[in-house]
Amino acid sequence: MTIDWKSYDPGEFYDELISTPGYARAPARNLTAWLRSQSDEDLQARKLDAELAIIDKGVTFTVYSDGENIDRAWPFDIIPRVMPIREWRNIEAGLKQRLQAINLFIDDLYHEQKIIGDGVIPASLIAESKGFRKECIGIKPAHQVWAHICGSDLVRDSDGTVYVLEDNLRVPSGVSYMIENREVTKRILPELFENNTILPVDNYPDKLLEMLLSISPSRRKHPEVAVLTPGIYNSAYFEHAFLARSMGAELVEGGDLMVDKDDYVYMKTINGLARVDVIYRRIDDLFLDPEVFLPESALGVPGLMRAWRKGNVALANAPGCGVADDKVVYSYVPDIIRYYLDEDALLPNVPTYRCNDTKECEHVLANLASMVVKPANESGGYGMLVGPQSTAREREEFRRLISSNPRNYIGQPALRLSTAPTLCDHTVEPRHLDLRPFILQGAETYVTAGGLTRVAMKSGSLVVNSSQGGGSKDTWIVDNEGG
């Protein structure tokens, strides 16, 4: 049995590959024609090859369940998601604009707070922010950049509009899976790379290292870069090790580092102490330095904030950047772009209702069944209400949560997320998805060619997070769309 695209119907949703039953979008025509030529046995064999390659490469993620940490093979669908380069260039420009403005905003908050003084952002919003760190006031990181690595989640609605769903600025993860998805796809579908011009993603570690070196405070010819991990039990440890290895950087835990009396950071090696100039940290602010934040933290490095404040080490992402990784602050990003850049946002936000506004909160509470409600500072799909898929009991619980702490919640209409063909058992069915591109900002700004496409593996589900049962696809930005 071969794929019959005439019987493939995404219904009311925008499909990334198929425009109407039987007809592929221009950039996906080579792919869909090839898929149609394959038998079910061929596709199942390629799917098995992909699963074996993922196991062989040790590509895993950790699910925290019932008090246990369970390592699982990375869930992967072999049918790529395809986007035309013309559309991508517009998205790329919008992502660069967005991160530039966000970094100017963060820098302003830790210095003059002009945006508050001019009445664009309410002072109470920052005063009540869980991500604002008073310990960072007055610090001046290189290039005025605080969020050096950003993973912005994009979604497409049924009319084809691409929205920014949220910005992940603290310790965004997933880029290693983007790269591994491409490597696996090349291994199992090599012929498709001969007939399609697909922009590469494997240069990301080089670009990451280039950005990290650009923020080094040292004038040494070869600054030392280290990746600071919480350790092997962290859900993203595979990625920490992958990036350190790919960059030729040292992978360290807090106990591997020390700060001397002159406030320089050193790494303990078998040959003695070696100075560290740049730390790509993959642990949260509060665990970074027990002298400043949580005194009981064994993950961080005593004195690290002193070294950073004195300009003796660079930290990426900088402590305190999480003030903008707040879903209420997210709702102000179009205003932030206009304030700092005097430009309209190139990429729109999803329409957002702030529950700390009385009228907007009333609207959310009156429409819980049709809205998605999110807490301000959670990630990974946790702590949210997906109204159309919720029970009456769940809605009542969120009504109570919102009423008791309106500052902590936003509401958004439940978008009809776009779909893409996904291999499910022995059929191809539409599944909802999103996209997480990664943006780097140091001396220059870089955006990955595409990003990590996350796909809901359950029919009708809108939850794409791997921790919630989602999978992923390779993402192709192609420039052979034919008009």
Protein backbone atom coordinates (compact mmCIF):
# COMPACT_ATOMS: atom_id res chain seq x y z
CA MET A 1 0.00 0.00 0.00
CA THR A 2 1.33 3.44 -0.94
CA ILE A 3 0.37 6.87 0.36
CA ASP A 4 -2.73 8.31 -1.28
CA TRP A 5 -2.52 12.07 -0.78
CA LYS A 6 -6.10 12.48 -2.06
CA SER A 7 -7.35 10.73 1.07
CA TYR A 8 -5.14 12.77 3.38
CA ASP A 9 -7.34 15.48 4.91
CA PRO A 10 -6.20 17.87 7.66
CA GLY A 11 -9.71 19.30 7.84
CA GLU A 12 -9.95 22.93 8.94
CA PHE A 13 -6.26 23.15 9.81
CA TYR A 14 -3.42 24.60 7.74
CA ASP A 15 -1.18 21.74 6.67
CA GLU A 16 2.54 22.42 6.19
CA LEU A 17 2.92 20.00 3.24
CA ILE A 18 -0.51 19.53 1.64
CA SER A 19 -2.55 22.54 0.48
CA THR A 20 -5.71 20.61 -0.48
CA PRO A 21 -6.29 16.84 -0.67
CA GLY A 22 -4.08 15.49 -3.45
CA TYR A 23 -2.02 18.68 -3.90
CA ALA A 24 1.28 19.47 -2.20
CA ARG A 25 2.61 22.92 -1.45
CA ALA A 26 5.36 23.93 -3.89
CA PRO A 27 8.40 23.44 -1.64
CA ALA A 28 7.14 19.98 -0.58
CA ARG A 29 6.37 18.52 -4.02
CA ASN A 30 9.61 16.56 -4.35
CA LEU A 31 9.13 15.13 -0.88
CA THR A 32 5.48 14.16 -1.28
CA ALA A 33 6.12 12.61 -4.71
CA TRP A 34 8.91 10.50 -3.24
CA LEU A 35 6.73 9.44 -0.29
CA ARG A 36 3.97 8.42 -2.71
CA SER A 37 6.45 6.19 -4.57
CA GLN A 38 7.37 4.24 -1.43
CA SER A 39 5.58 1.10 -0.32
CA ASP A 40 4.40 0.66 3.25
CA GLU A 41 7.17 -1.89 3.77
CA ASP A 42 9.78 0.64 2.57
CA LEU A 43 8.53 3.35 4.94
CA GLN A 44 8.35 0.97 7.89
CA ALA A 45 11.93 -0.14 7.19
CA ARG A 46 13.10 3.48 7.12
CA LYS A 47 11.22 4.17 10.35
CA LEU A 48 12.95 1.22 11.99
CA ASP A 49 16.32 2.44 10.68
CA ALA A 50 15.64 5.82 12.28
CA GLU A 51 14.77 4.25 15.63
CA LEU A 52 17.93 2.13 15.57
CA ALA A 53 20.06 5.14 14.60
CA ILE A 54 18.65 7.14 17.53
CA ILE A 55 19.38 4.30 19.95
CA ASP A 56 22.85 3.79 18.46
CA LYS A 57 23.67 7.50 18.82
CA GLY A 58 22.34 7.57 22.38
CA VAL A 59 19.87 10.39 21.68
CA THR A 60 17.73 10.43 24.82
CA PHE A 61 15.66 12.73 26.97
CA THR A 62 14.51 12.31 30.55
CA VAL A 63 10.91 12.13 31.69
CA TYR A 64 10.24 12.81 35.36
CA SER A 65 7.40 10.55 36.40
CA ASP A 66 6.20 9.27 39.78
CA GLY A 67 9.42 10.38 41.44
CA GLU A 68 11.59 8.51 38.95
CA ASN A 69 13.86 9.74 36.18
CA ILE A 70 13.25 7.68 33.04
CA ASP A 71 15.59 7.99 30.07
CA ARG A 72 13.79 7.42 26.78
CA ALA A 73 14.91 7.30 23.18
CA TRP A 74 14.10 10.54 21.37
CA PRO A 75 10.68 10.16 19.61
CA PHE A 76 11.11 10.96 15.92
CA ASP A 77 8.89 11.03 12.84
CA ILE A 78 10.67 10.40 9.54
CA ILE A 79 8.52 12.73 7.39
CA PRO A 80 10.19 16.18 7.42
CA ARG A 81 8.41 19.48 7.86
CA VAL A 82 9.10 21.80 4.88
CA MET A 83 9.11 25.60 4.67
CA PRO A 84 10.07 27.83 1.70
CA ILE A 85 13.13 30.04 2.07
CA ARG A 86 11.17 33.16 1.06
CA GLU A 87 8.84 32.78 4.06
CA TRP A 88 11.73 31.84 6.30
CA ARG A 89 13.70 35.02 5.59
CA ASN A 90 10.79 37.08 6.92
CA ILE A 91 10.59 34.93 10.06
CA GLU A 92 14.36 35.16 10.54
CA ALA A 93 14.24 38.97 10.36
CA GLY A 94 11.41 39.03 12.90
CA LEU A 95 13.32 36.82 15.33
CA LYS A 96 16.44 39.00 15.12
CA GLN A 97 14.35 42.12 15.71
CA ARG A 98 12.63 40.51 18.67
CA LEU A 99 15.78 39.41 20.51
CA GLN A 100 17.52 42.73 19.88
CA ALA A 101 14.64 44.61 21.51
CA ILE A 102 14.34 42.13 24.40
CA ASN A 103 18.03 42.52 25.22
CA LEU A 104 17.74 46.31 25.20
CA PHE A 105 14.74 45.94 27.51
CA ILE A 106 16.60 43.70 29.98
CA ASP A 107 19.61 46.02 29.98
CA ASP A 108 17.34 49.01 30.64
CA LEU A 109 15.66 47.24 33.57
CA TYR A 110 19.00 46.74 35.32
CA HIS A 111 20.09 50.34 34.76
CA GLU A 112 17.87 53.39 34.22
CA GLN A 113 14.46 51.69 33.76
CA LYS A 114 13.42 54.28 31.20
CA ILE A 115 10.66 52.05 29.84
CA ILE A 116 9.00 52.09 33.27
CA GLY A 117 9.52 55.80 33.71
CA ASP A 118 7.87 56.42 30.34
CA GLY A 119 4.84 54.36 31.34
CA VAL A 120 5.20 51.60 28.76
CA ILE A 121 5.69 48.83 31.33
CA PRO A 122 4.03 49.03 34.76
CA ALA A 123 6.51 49.21 37.63
CA SER A 124 4.47 46.61 39.53
CA LEU A 125 5.03 44.05 36.77
CA ILE A 126 8.78 44.10 37.36
CA ALA A 127 8.52 44.51 41.11
CA GLU A 128 6.50 41.29 41.28
CA SER A 129 8.60 39.43 38.72
CA LYS A 130 10.12 36.11 39.81
CA GLY A 131 12.89 36.54 37.23
CA PHE A 132 14.12 40.02 38.20
CA ARG A 133 17.39 39.75 40.13
CA LYS A 134 18.30 42.82 42.18
CA GLU A 135 21.81 41.33 42.40
CA CYS A 136 22.24 42.15 38.68
CA ILE A 137 21.50 45.87 38.94
CA GLY A 138 24.31 47.92 37.42
CA ILE A 139 26.13 45.04 35.73
CA LYS A 140 27.15 45.69 32.13
CA PRO A 141 27.57 42.53 30.07
CA ALA A 142 29.37 42.69 26.71
CA HIS A 143 27.40 44.26 23.83
CA GLN A 144 24.51 45.01 26.25
CA VAL A 145 23.37 41.42 25.67
CA TRP A 146 21.85 39.40 28.51
CA ALA A 147 19.98 36.67 26.63
CA HIS A 148 22.64 35.25 24.31
CA ILE A 149 20.70 32.12 23.37
CA CYS A 150 16.96 32.28 22.82
CA GLY A 151 14.52 29.59 21.70
CA SER A 152 11.31 31.24 20.51
CA ASP A 153 8.34 28.96 19.95
CA LEU A 154 6.41 29.63 16.74
CA VAL A 155 2.97 28.34 15.77
CA ARG A 156 0.88 28.71 12.64
CA ASP A 157 -2.88 29.29 12.83
CA SER A 158 -5.44 27.93 10.39
CA ASP A 159 -5.22 31.04 8.19
CA GLY A 160 -1.47 30.53 7.70
CA THR A 161 -0.32 33.30 10.05
CA VAL A 162 2.86 32.50 12.01
CA TYR A 163 2.78 33.72 15.63
CA VAL A 164 5.37 33.81 18.39
CA LEU A 165 3.86 31.72 21.17
CA GLU A 166 6.59 32.39 23.75
CA ASP A 167 10.26 33.26 24.19
CA ASN A 168 12.56 30.94 26.13
CA LEU A 169 15.46 33.01 27.46
CA ARG A 170 16.83 31.38 30.59
CA VAL A 171 18.27 28.00 29.58
CA PRO A 172 16.48 27.11 26.32
CA SER A 173 16.96 23.50 25.26
CA GLY A 174 16.39 21.35 22.20
CA VAL A 175 19.01 22.49 19.69
CA SER A 176 20.96 19.23 19.88
CA TYR A 177 17.83 17.34 18.87
CA MET A 178 17.42 19.66 15.88
CA ILE A 179 20.93 18.69 14.74
CA GLU A 180 20.47 14.99 15.44
CA ASN A 181 17.13 15.00 13.58
CA ARG A 182 18.98 16.21 10.50
CA GLU A 183 21.74 13.62 10.86
CA VAL A 184 19.22 10.78 11.19
CA THR A 185 17.20 12.05 8.22
CA LYS A 186 20.32 12.20 6.06
CA ARG A 187 21.10 8.63 7.06
CA ILE A 188 17.68 7.15 6.28
CA LEU A 189 16.54 9.40 3.38
CA PRO A 190 19.83 10.22 1.59
CA GLU A 191 18.31 10.42 -1.88
CA LEU A 192 16.07 13.31 -0.88
CA PHE A 193 19.08 15.51 -0.17
CA GLU A 194 20.18 15.07 -3.79
CA ASN A 195 16.94 16.49 -5.23
CA ASN A 196 16.23 19.29 -2.72
CA THR A 197 18.29 22.32 -1.76
CA ILE A 198 17.99 22.24 2.03
CA LEU A 199 19.69 24.84 4.22
CA PRO A 200 22.13 23.25 6.71
CA VAL A 201 21.81 23.28 10.49
CA ASP A 202 24.99 21.46 11.46
CA ASN A 203 26.95 24.72 11.74
CA TYR A 204 25.14 25.67 14.96
CA PRO A 205 27.91 24.56 17.37
CA ASP A 206 30.42 26.66 15.39
CA LYS A 207 28.10 29.67 15.56
CA LEU A 208 27.50 29.09 19.28
CA LEU A 209 31.24 28.97 19.97
CA GLU A 210 31.77 32.09 17.84
CA MET A 211 29.14 33.93 19.89
CA LEU A 212 30.59 32.76 23.21
CA LEU A 213 34.08 33.85 22.21
CA SER A 214 32.69 37.26 21.19
CA ILE A 215 31.62 37.95 24.80
CA SER A 216 34.87 36.82 26.42
CA PRO A 217 36.33 39.48 28.73
CA SER A 218 39.81 38.03 28.25
CA ARG A 219 42.32 39.29 25.71
CA ARG A 220 43.94 35.87 25.60
CA LYS A 221 44.41 34.44 22.12
CA HIS A 222 42.45 31.30 22.99
CA PRO A 223 39.83 32.03 25.69
CA GLU A 224 38.65 28.99 27.64
CA VAL A 225 34.94 28.15 27.25
CA ALA A 226 33.12 25.77 29.59
CA VAL A 227 29.59 24.35 29.59
CA LEU A 228 28.23 24.24 33.16
CA THR A 229 25.79 21.35 33.66
CA PRO A 230 23.82 20.26 36.74
CA GLY A 231 24.99 16.72 35.97
CA ILE A 232 23.92 13.43 34.45
CA TYR A 233 20.48 13.38 36.06
CA ASN A 234 19.33 16.56 34.34
CA SER A 235 16.78 16.00 31.57
CA ALA A 236 18.92 17.89 29.04
CA TYR A 237 22.27 16.32 29.97
CA PHE A 238 22.54 14.70 26.54
CA GLU A 239 22.42 18.18 25.02
CA HIS A 240 24.97 19.63 27.45
CA ALA A 241 27.46 16.90 26.57
CA PHE A 242 26.65 17.13 22.86
CA LEU A 243 27.27 20.88 22.66
CA ALA A 244 30.44 20.79 24.75
CA ARG A 245 31.85 18.01 22.57
CA SER A 246 30.80 19.73 19.33
CA MET A 247 32.40 23.04 20.36
CA GLY A 248 35.55 21.49 21.79
CA ALA A 249 34.64 23.08 25.13
CA GLU A 250 34.96 21.61 28.60
CA LEU A 251 31.86 20.08 30.21
CA VAL A 252 31.97 20.92 33.91
CA GLU A 253 29.87 20.69 37.05
CA GLY A 254 29.93 23.23 39.85
CA GLY A 255 32.49 21.25 41.84
CA ASP A 256 34.93 21.40 38.92
CA LEU A 257 35.18 25.20 39.19
CA MET A 258 36.49 27.61 41.82
CA VAL A 259 36.84 31.38 42.21
CA ASP A 260 40.15 32.65 43.61
CA LYS A 261 40.79 35.63 45.90
CA ASP A 262 41.18 37.93 42.88
CA ASP A 263 37.73 36.88 41.59
CA TYR A 264 38.87 34.88 38.58
CA VAL A 265 37.27 31.55 37.72
CA TYR A 266 39.41 28.44 37.43
CA MET A 267 38.75 24.88 36.35
CA LYS A 268 40.33 22.04 38.28
CA THR A 269 42.29 19.77 35.94
CA ILE A 270 44.82 16.95 36.38
CA ASN A 271 47.48 19.50 35.41
CA GLY A 272 46.37 22.06 37.97
CA LEU A 273 44.09 25.08 37.73
CA ALA A 274 43.12 26.48 34.30
CA ARG A 275 41.43 29.86 33.96
CA VAL A 276 37.91 29.92 32.48
CA ASP A 277 36.82 32.98 30.48
CA VAL A 278 33.28 32.12 29.33
CA ILE A 279 30.69 29.87 30.96
CA TYR A 280 27.68 28.65 29.00
CA ARG A 281 25.56 27.83 32.00
CA ARG A 282 22.73 25.31 31.84
CA ILE A 283 21.57 25.73 35.43
CA ASP A 284 19.00 28.18 36.76
CA ASP A 285 19.92 31.52 38.39
CA LEU A 286 19.10 30.47 41.92
CA PHE A 287 21.57 27.57 41.83
CA LEU A 288 24.48 29.51 40.29
CA ASP A 289 26.23 30.90 43.36
CA PRO A 290 25.46 29.82 46.95
CA GLU A 291 27.05 33.04 48.24
CA VAL A 292 24.35 35.11 46.53
CA PHE A 293 21.32 32.93 45.87
CA LEU A 294 20.39 29.59 47.48
CA PRO A 295 23.06 28.85 50.10
CA GLU A 296 22.29 25.14 50.01
CA SER A 297 22.95 24.82 46.26
CA ALA A 298 25.64 22.28 45.43
CA LEU A 299 25.26 22.85 41.68
CA GLY A 300 26.85 26.28 41.44
CA VAL A 301 30.17 27.94 42.19
CA PRO A 302 30.77 30.11 45.30
CA GLY A 303 31.94 33.55 44.18
CA LEU A 304 30.78 33.21 40.56
CA MET A 305 28.64 36.35 40.75
CA ARG A 306 31.59 38.34 42.13
CA ALA A 307 33.73 37.22 39.19
CA TRP A 308 30.98 38.12 36.72
CA ARG A 309 30.28 41.50 38.31
CA LYS A 310 33.99 42.41 38.09
CA GLY A 311 34.09 41.47 34.42
CA ASN A 312 36.47 38.53 34.91
CA VAL A 313 34.17 35.94 33.36
CA ALA A 314 31.26 36.02 30.90
CA LEU A 315 28.06 34.12 31.63
CA ALA A 316 25.63 33.03 28.94
CA ASN A 317 22.82 33.41 29.40
CA ALA A 318 23.39 36.17 31.90
CA PRO A 319 21.74 35.88 35.32
CA GLY A 320 18.63 38.02 35.49
CA CYS A 321 17.61 37.58 31.85
CA GLY A 322 14.64 35.52 33.04
CA VAL A 323 12.84 38.77 33.82
CA ALA A 324 11.84 38.75 30.13
CA ASP A 325 11.08 35.01 30.17
CA ASP A 326 7.73 35.78 31.72
CA LYS A 327 4.51 35.24 29.85
CA VAL A 328 3.04 38.51 31.11
CA VAL A 329 6.13 40.42 29.93
CA TYR A 330 5.77 38.47 26.65
CA SER A 331 2.47 40.22 26.07
CA TYR A 332 4.34 43.56 26.01
CA VAL A 333 7.01 42.54 23.46
CA PRO A 334 5.36 44.40 20.52
CA ASP A 335 5.40 47.55 22.73
CA ILE A 336 9.02 46.82 23.71
CA ILE A 337 10.03 46.58 20.04
CA ARG A 338 8.28 49.84 19.27
CA TYR A 339 9.85 51.59 22.28
CA TYR A 340 13.48 50.60 21.70
CA LEU A 341 13.64 50.17 17.92
CA ASP A 342 10.85 52.50 16.74
CA GLU A 343 9.57 49.65 14.55
CA ASP A 344 6.45 47.53 14.38
CA ALA A 345 6.93 43.88 15.26
CA LEU A 346 7.60 41.76 12.17
CA LEU A 347 6.24 38.68 13.92
CA PRO A 348 2.94 38.99 15.82
CA ASN A 349 2.26 37.68 19.31
CA VAL A 350 -0.66 35.36 19.90
CA PRO A 351 -3.50 37.60 21.19
CA THR A 352 -2.99 37.61 24.96
CA TYR A 353 -5.16 38.59 27.91
CA ARG A 354 -3.41 39.65 31.13
CA CYS A 355 -5.23 38.39 34.19
CA ASN A 356 -3.83 41.22 36.32
CA ASP A 357 -6.08 43.52 34.28
CA THR A 358 -9.60 43.31 35.74
CA LYS A 359 -11.52 43.44 32.45
CA GLU A 360 -9.17 41.06 30.67
CA CYS A 361 -9.30 38.65 33.61
CA GLU A 362 -13.12 38.67 33.48
CA HIS A 363 -12.90 37.75 29.79
CA VAL A 364 -10.56 34.82 30.54
CA LEU A 365 -12.72 33.52 33.38
CA ALA A 366 -15.83 33.75 31.20
CA ASN A 367 -14.19 31.81 28.36
CA LEU A 368 -12.06 29.16 30.06
CA ALA A 369 -13.52 26.40 27.88
CA SER A 370 -12.14 27.99 24.70
CA MET A 371 -8.84 29.42 25.99
CA VAL A 372 -5.36 28.27 26.89
CA VAL A 373 -4.34 29.57 30.32
CA LYS A 374 -0.64 29.66 31.25
CA PRO A 375 1.25 30.54 34.41
CA ALA A 376 3.82 33.30 33.98
CA ASN A 377 7.00 31.36 34.69
CA GLU A 378 6.41 27.66 33.99
CA SER A 379 7.83 25.81 30.98
CA GLY A 380 7.62 22.40 29.34
CA GLY A 381 3.83 22.47 29.07
CA TYR A 382 3.39 22.23 32.85
CA GLY A 383 0.78 24.07 34.88
CA MET A 384 -1.37 25.12 31.93
CA LEU A 385 -5.03 24.66 31.03
CA VAL A 386 -5.97 23.74 27.46
CA GLY A 387 -9.59 24.81 27.62
CA PRO A 388 -11.08 22.83 24.69
CA GLN A 389 -9.59 19.61 26.11
CA SER A 390 -10.27 20.32 29.78
CA THR A 391 -12.84 18.97 32.23
CA ALA A 392 -15.26 21.06 34.27
CA ARG A 393 -13.28 20.21 37.39
CA GLU A 394 -10.01 21.42 35.82
CA ARG A 395 -11.64 24.69 34.76
CA GLU A 396 -12.94 25.26 38.27
CA GLU A 397 -9.46 24.66 39.66
CA PHE A 398 -8.00 27.25 37.28
CA ARG A 399 -10.75 29.69 38.13
CA ARG A 400 -9.59 29.42 41.74
CA LEU A 401 -5.87 29.70 40.82
CA ILE A 402 -6.40 32.77 38.65
CA SER A 403 -8.59 34.52 41.21
CA SER A 404 -6.05 33.96 43.98
CA ASN A 405 -3.04 35.18 41.94
CA PRO A 406 -4.08 37.01 38.75
CA ARG A 407 -0.55 38.41 38.14
CA ASN A 408 0.66 34.86 37.52
CA TYR A 409 -1.65 34.03 34.61
CA ILE A 410 -2.39 34.94 31.02
CA GLY A 411 -5.08 33.64 28.71
CA GLN A 412 -4.87 33.09 24.97
CA PRO A 413 -7.42 31.85 22.46
CA ALA A 414 -6.82 28.21 21.61
CA LEU A 415 -5.19 28.41 18.20
CA ARG A 416 -5.92 25.83 15.56
CA LEU A 417 -2.28 24.76 15.21
CA SER A 418 -1.05 23.74 11.79
CA THR A 419 -0.50 20.08 10.99
CA ALA A 420 1.92 18.00 8.97
CA PRO A 421 1.76 14.42 7.64
CA THR A 422 3.09 12.03 10.26
CA LEU A 423 3.76 8.30 9.95
CA CYS A 424 1.40 6.61 12.39
CA ASP A 425 1.55 2.80 12.42
CA HIS A 426 0.84 1.98 8.76
CA THR A 427 -0.90 5.20 7.76
CA VAL A 428 0.01 8.87 7.30
CA GLU A 429 -2.13 11.18 9.39
CA PRO A 430 -2.10 14.93 10.22
CA ARG A 431 -0.61 15.85 13.58
CA HIS A 432 -0.30 19.30 15.19
CA LEU A 433 3.13 20.89 15.56
CA ASP A 434 5.14 23.95 16.49
CA LEU A 435 8.66 25.18 15.73
CA ARG A 436 11.48 26.33 18.00
CA PRO A 437 14.20 28.24 16.11
CA PHE A 438 17.30 29.23 18.07
CA ILE A 439 18.68 32.77 17.98
CA LEU A 440 22.20 33.68 19.10
CA GLN A 441 23.23 37.23 19.96
CA GLY A 442 26.72 38.39 20.91
CA ALA A 443 28.78 40.70 18.73
CA GLU A 444 26.48 39.55 15.89
CA THR A 445 23.10 37.81 15.61
CA TYR A 446 22.45 34.41 14.04
CA VAL A 447 19.26 32.37 13.55
CA THR A 448 19.18 28.64 12.82
CA ALA A 449 17.82 27.66 9.40
CA GLY A 450 14.53 26.37 10.73
CA GLY A 451 14.71 24.84 14.17
CA LEU A 452 13.26 22.04 16.24
CA THR A 453 9.83 20.98 15.00
CA ARG A 454 7.92 19.35 17.82
CA VAL A 455 4.89 17.27 16.93
CA ALA A 456 1.98 15.94 18.96
CA MET A 457 2.05 12.18 18.43
CA LYS A 458 -1.55 11.71 19.61
CA SER A 459 -4.42 12.43 17.25
CA GLY A 460 -6.03 15.79 18.01
CA SER A 461 -3.57 16.68 20.77
CA LEU A 462 -2.19 20.23 20.90
CA VAL A 463 0.58 19.37 23.38
CA VAL A 464 3.88 18.92 21.57
CA ASN A 465 6.39 18.90 24.47
CA SER A 466 8.48 15.74 24.64
CA SER A 467 7.94 15.68 28.40
CA GLN A 468 4.20 15.45 27.67
CA GLY A 469 4.38 12.69 25.04
CA GLY A 470 5.31 14.71 21.93
CA GLY A 471 7.87 13.86 19.27
CA SER A 472 9.81 15.75 16.64
CA LYS A 473 10.63 16.04 12.94
CA ASP A 474 13.47 17.32 10.82
CA THR A 475 12.77 20.86 9.58
CA TRP A 476 13.68 21.73 6.00
CA ILE A 477 14.09 25.29 4.77
CA VAL A 478 14.24 24.80 1.00
CA ASP A 479 14.91 27.24 -1.82
CA ASN A 480 13.62 25.11 -4.68
CA GLU A 481 9.97 26.03 -4.28
CA GLY A 482 9.49 26.93 -7.93
CA GLY A 483 7.77 30.26 -7.40
